[in-house]
């Protein structure tokens, strides 16, 4: 049974930091390329960071130098360290697999990140 469970979001001031976690079970985690996605109100969901099964990472331009994605295969967990947060980072953050065709599993509940003074 596939389960994607995100946590770690919250309200933070601009310039602050958060560490998001996602436990992904039932997907053969160690063989999967994983990603963190986000969806802001009124906008489409976007992929912001990805990590391959071998540990190579990639980031969308708007978060480069501020966000770091990592994984722990033994814990079936992917992390997103978000630093120097900006109001435009406000969104619900989700984890899921990353595939060439864009196919994903059903989405979890996500974790809300709000950046505001």
C-alpha atoms as a PDB file:
ATOM      1  CA  UNK A   1       0.000   0.000   0.000  1.00  0.00           C
ATOM      2  CA  UNK A   2       1.428   3.330  -1.089  1.00  0.00           C
ATOM      3  CA  UNK A   3       1.660   6.019   1.561  1.00  0.00           C
ATOM      4  CA  UNK A   4       3.218   9.461   1.215  1.00  0.00           C
ATOM      5  CA  UNK A   5       3.237  11.368   4.508  1.00  0.00           C
ATOM      6  CA  UNK A   6       4.674  14.875   4.602  1.00  0.00           C
ATOM      7  CA  UNK A   7       5.474  16.881   7.742  1.00  0.00           C
ATOM      8  CA  UNK A   8       7.518  19.793   9.030  1.00  0.00           C
ATOM      9  CA  UNK A   9       5.716  22.787   7.578  1.00  0.00           C
ATOM     10  CA  UNK A  10       4.649  25.838   9.533  1.00  0.00           C
ATOM     11  CA  UNK A  11       4.615  29.594   9.769  1.00  0.00           C
ATOM     12  CA  UNK A  12       8.029  31.218   9.462  1.00  0.00           C
ATOM     13  CA  UNK A  13       9.287  34.754   9.013  1.00  0.00           C
ATOM     14  CA  UNK A  14      11.075  35.797   5.825  1.00  0.00           C
ATOM     15  CA  UNK A  15      14.677  34.641   5.993  1.00  0.00           C
ATOM     16  CA  UNK A  16      13.782  31.714   8.227  1.00  0.00           C
ATOM     17  CA  UNK A  17      14.295  28.000   7.721  1.00  0.00           C
ATOM     18  CA  UNK A  18      12.295  24.790   7.809  1.00  0.00           C
ATOM     19  CA  UNK A  19      13.068  21.112   7.336  1.00  0.00           C
ATOM     20  CA  UNK A  20      10.352  19.149   5.591  1.00  0.00           C
ATOM     21  CA  UNK A  21      10.184  15.358   5.791  1.00  0.00           C
ATOM     22  CA  UNK A  22       8.305  12.793   3.754  1.00  0.00           C
ATOM     23  CA  UNK A  23       8.014   9.121   4.579  1.00  0.00           C
ATOM     24  CA  UNK A  24       7.244   7.202   1.406  1.00  0.00           C
ATOM     25  CA  UNK A  25       6.267   3.578   1.915  1.00  0.00           C
ATOM     26  CA  UNK A  26       5.105   0.899  -0.486  1.00  0.00           C
ATOM     27  CA  UNK A  27       6.911   2.342  -3.533  1.00  0.00           C
ATOM     28  CA  UNK A  28      10.276   0.594  -3.567  1.00  0.00           C
ATOM     29  CA  UNK A  29      11.801   3.816  -2.240  1.00  0.00           C
ATOM     30  CA  UNK A  30      15.500   3.063  -2.771  1.00  0.00           C
ATOM     31  CA  UNK A  31      14.963   2.536  -6.513  1.00  0.00           C
ATOM     32  CA  UNK A  32      12.893   5.673  -7.031  1.00  0.00           C
ATOM     33  CA  UNK A  33      13.780   9.176  -8.122  1.00  0.00           C
ATOM     34  CA  UNK A  34      12.000  11.433  -5.635  1.00  0.00           C
ATOM     35  CA  UNK A  35      10.888  15.023  -5.697  1.00  0.00           C
ATOM     36  CA  UNK A  36       9.411  17.816  -3.648  1.00  0.00           C
ATOM     37  CA  UNK A  37       6.576  19.656  -5.323  1.00  0.00           C
ATOM     38  CA  UNK A  38       4.624  22.699  -4.195  1.00  0.00           C
ATOM     39  CA  UNK A  39       1.310  24.313  -5.032  1.00  0.00           C
ATOM     40  CA  UNK A  40       0.546  27.906  -4.176  1.00  0.00           C
ATOM     41  CA  UNK A  41      -3.029  29.242  -4.122  1.00  0.00           C
ATOM     42  CA  UNK A  42      -4.315  29.736  -7.648  1.00  0.00           C
ATOM     43  CA  UNK A  43      -1.224  28.197  -9.229  1.00  0.00           C
ATOM     44  CA  UNK A  44      -0.322  24.862 -10.728  1.00  0.00           C
ATOM     45  CA  UNK A  45       1.703  22.335  -8.790  1.00  0.00           C
ATOM     46  CA  UNK A  46       5.404  22.602  -9.642  1.00  0.00           C
ATOM     47  CA  UNK A  47       8.453  20.430  -9.048  1.00  0.00           C
ATOM     48  CA  UNK A  48      10.978  22.397  -6.997  1.00  0.00           C
ATOM     49  CA  UNK A  49      13.645  19.813  -6.137  1.00  0.00           C
ATOM     50  CA  UNK A  50      14.466  16.254  -7.138  1.00  0.00           C
ATOM     51  CA  UNK A  51      16.936  13.568  -6.150  1.00  0.00           C
ATOM     52  CA  UNK A  52      17.711  10.443  -8.122  1.00  0.00           C
ATOM     53  CA  UNK A  53      17.961   6.992  -6.600  1.00  0.00           C
ATOM     54  CA  UNK A  54      21.749   7.443  -6.711  1.00  0.00           C
ATOM     55  CA  UNK A  55      21.702  10.856  -5.022  1.00  0.00           C
ATOM     56  CA  UNK A  56      22.038  13.369  -7.861  1.00  0.00           C
ATOM     57  CA  UNK A  57      20.008  16.494  -7.231  1.00  0.00           C
ATOM     58  CA  UNK A  58      18.294  19.168  -9.304  1.00  0.00           C
ATOM     59  CA  UNK A  59      16.453  22.368  -8.404  1.00  0.00           C
ATOM     60  CA  UNK A  60      14.176  24.850 -10.054  1.00  0.00           C
ATOM     61  CA  UNK A  61      15.858  28.224 -10.491  1.00  0.00           C
ATOM     62  CA  UNK A  62      13.767  30.015  -7.880  1.00  0.00           C
ATOM     63  CA  UNK A  63      15.089  27.834  -5.026  1.00  0.00           C
ATOM     64  CA  UNK A  64      18.669  27.164  -6.138  1.00  0.00           C
ATOM     65  CA  UNK A  65      21.138  28.004  -3.399  1.00  0.00           C
ATOM     66  CA  UNK A  66      18.397  28.110  -0.762  1.00  0.00           C
ATOM     67  CA  UNK A  67      16.828  24.635  -0.728  1.00  0.00           C
ATOM     68  CA  UNK A  68      18.579  21.277  -0.324  1.00  0.00           C
ATOM     69  CA  UNK A  69      16.980  17.912  -0.981  1.00  0.00           C
ATOM     70  CA  UNK A  70      18.335  14.732   0.600  1.00  0.00           C
ATOM     71  CA  UNK A  71      17.217  11.179   1.241  1.00  0.00           C
ATOM     72  CA  UNK A  72      17.638   8.326   3.725  1.00  0.00           C
ATOM     73  CA  UNK A  73      16.865   5.057   1.968  1.00  0.00           C
ATOM     74  CA  UNK A  74      16.916   3.074   5.216  1.00  0.00           C
ATOM     75  CA  UNK A  75      14.134   5.257   6.592  1.00  0.00           C
ATOM     76  CA  UNK A  76      12.324   5.586   3.236  1.00  0.00           C
ATOM     77  CA  UNK A  77      12.391   9.325   3.825  1.00  0.00           C
ATOM     78  CA  UNK A  78      13.135  12.322   1.649  1.00  0.00           C
ATOM     79  CA  UNK A  79      13.931  15.709   3.177  1.00  0.00           C
ATOM     80  CA  UNK A  80      13.798  19.303   2.007  1.00  0.00           C
ATOM     81  CA  UNK A  81      15.928  21.822   3.883  1.00  0.00           C
ATOM     82  CA  UNK A  82      14.483  25.210   3.032  1.00  0.00           C
ATOM     83  CA  UNK A  83      16.612  28.208   3.993  1.00  0.00           C
ATOM     84  CA  UNK A  84      16.314  31.956   3.376  1.00  0.00           C
ATOM     85  CA  UNK A  85      12.592  31.535   2.899  1.00  0.00           C
ATOM     86  CA  UNK A  86      10.660  34.185   1.005  1.00  0.00           C
ATOM     87  CA  UNK A  87       6.929  35.025   0.978  1.00  0.00           C
ATOM     88  CA  UNK A  88       6.725  33.579  -2.542  1.00  0.00           C
ATOM     89  CA  UNK A  89       7.724  30.184  -1.120  1.00  0.00           C
ATOM     90  CA  UNK A  90       4.334  30.031   0.609  1.00  0.00           C
ATOM     91  CA  UNK A  91       2.571  26.898  -0.650  1.00  0.00           C
ATOM     92  CA  UNK A  92       1.524  23.380   0.238  1.00  0.00           C
ATOM     93  CA  UNK A  93       4.532  21.108  -0.221  1.00  0.00           C
ATOM     94  CA  UNK A  94       4.208  17.505  -1.383  1.00  0.00           C
ATOM     95  CA  UNK A  95       6.616  14.682  -2.108  1.00  0.00           C
ATOM     96  CA  UNK A  96       6.196  12.111  -4.858  1.00  0.00           C
ATOM     97  CA  UNK A  97       8.168  10.123  -7.358  1.00  0.00           C
ATOM     98  CA  UNK A  98       9.714  11.812 -10.387  1.00  0.00           C
ATOM     99  CA  UNK A  99       9.388  10.068 -13.751  1.00  0.00           C
ATOM    100  CA  UNK A 100      10.174  11.052 -17.345  1.00  0.00           C
ATOM    101  CA  UNK A 101       6.524  10.878 -18.278  1.00  0.00           C
ATOM    102  CA  UNK A 102       5.353  12.851 -15.260  1.00  0.00           C
ATOM    103  CA  UNK A 103       3.428   9.940 -13.797  1.00  0.00           C
ATOM    104  CA  UNK A 104       3.107  10.090 -10.029  1.00  0.00           C
ATOM    105  CA  UNK A 105       1.379   8.222  -7.262  1.00  0.00           C
ATOM    106  CA  UNK A 106      -1.721   9.697  -5.651  1.00  0.00           C
ATOM    107  CA  UNK A 107      -0.820  12.768  -3.632  1.00  0.00           C
ATOM    108  CA  UNK A 108      -0.553  12.807   0.134  1.00  0.00           C
ATOM    109  CA  UNK A 109      -2.008  15.524   2.325  1.00  0.00           C
ATOM    110  CA  UNK A 110       1.003  17.800   1.925  1.00  0.00           C
ATOM    111  CA  UNK A 111       2.445  20.172   4.505  1.00  0.00           C
ATOM    112  CA  UNK A 112       1.666  23.885   4.550  1.00  0.00           C
ATOM    113  CA  UNK A 113       4.544  26.359   4.485  1.00  0.00           C
ATOM    114  CA  UNK A 114       3.639  29.975   5.158  1.00  0.00           C
ATOM    115  CA  UNK A 115       6.314  32.672   4.994  1.00  0.00           C
ATOM    116  CA  UNK A 116       5.071  35.913   6.486  1.00  0.00           C
ATOM    117  CA  UNK A 117       6.090  38.608   8.924  1.00  0.00           C
END
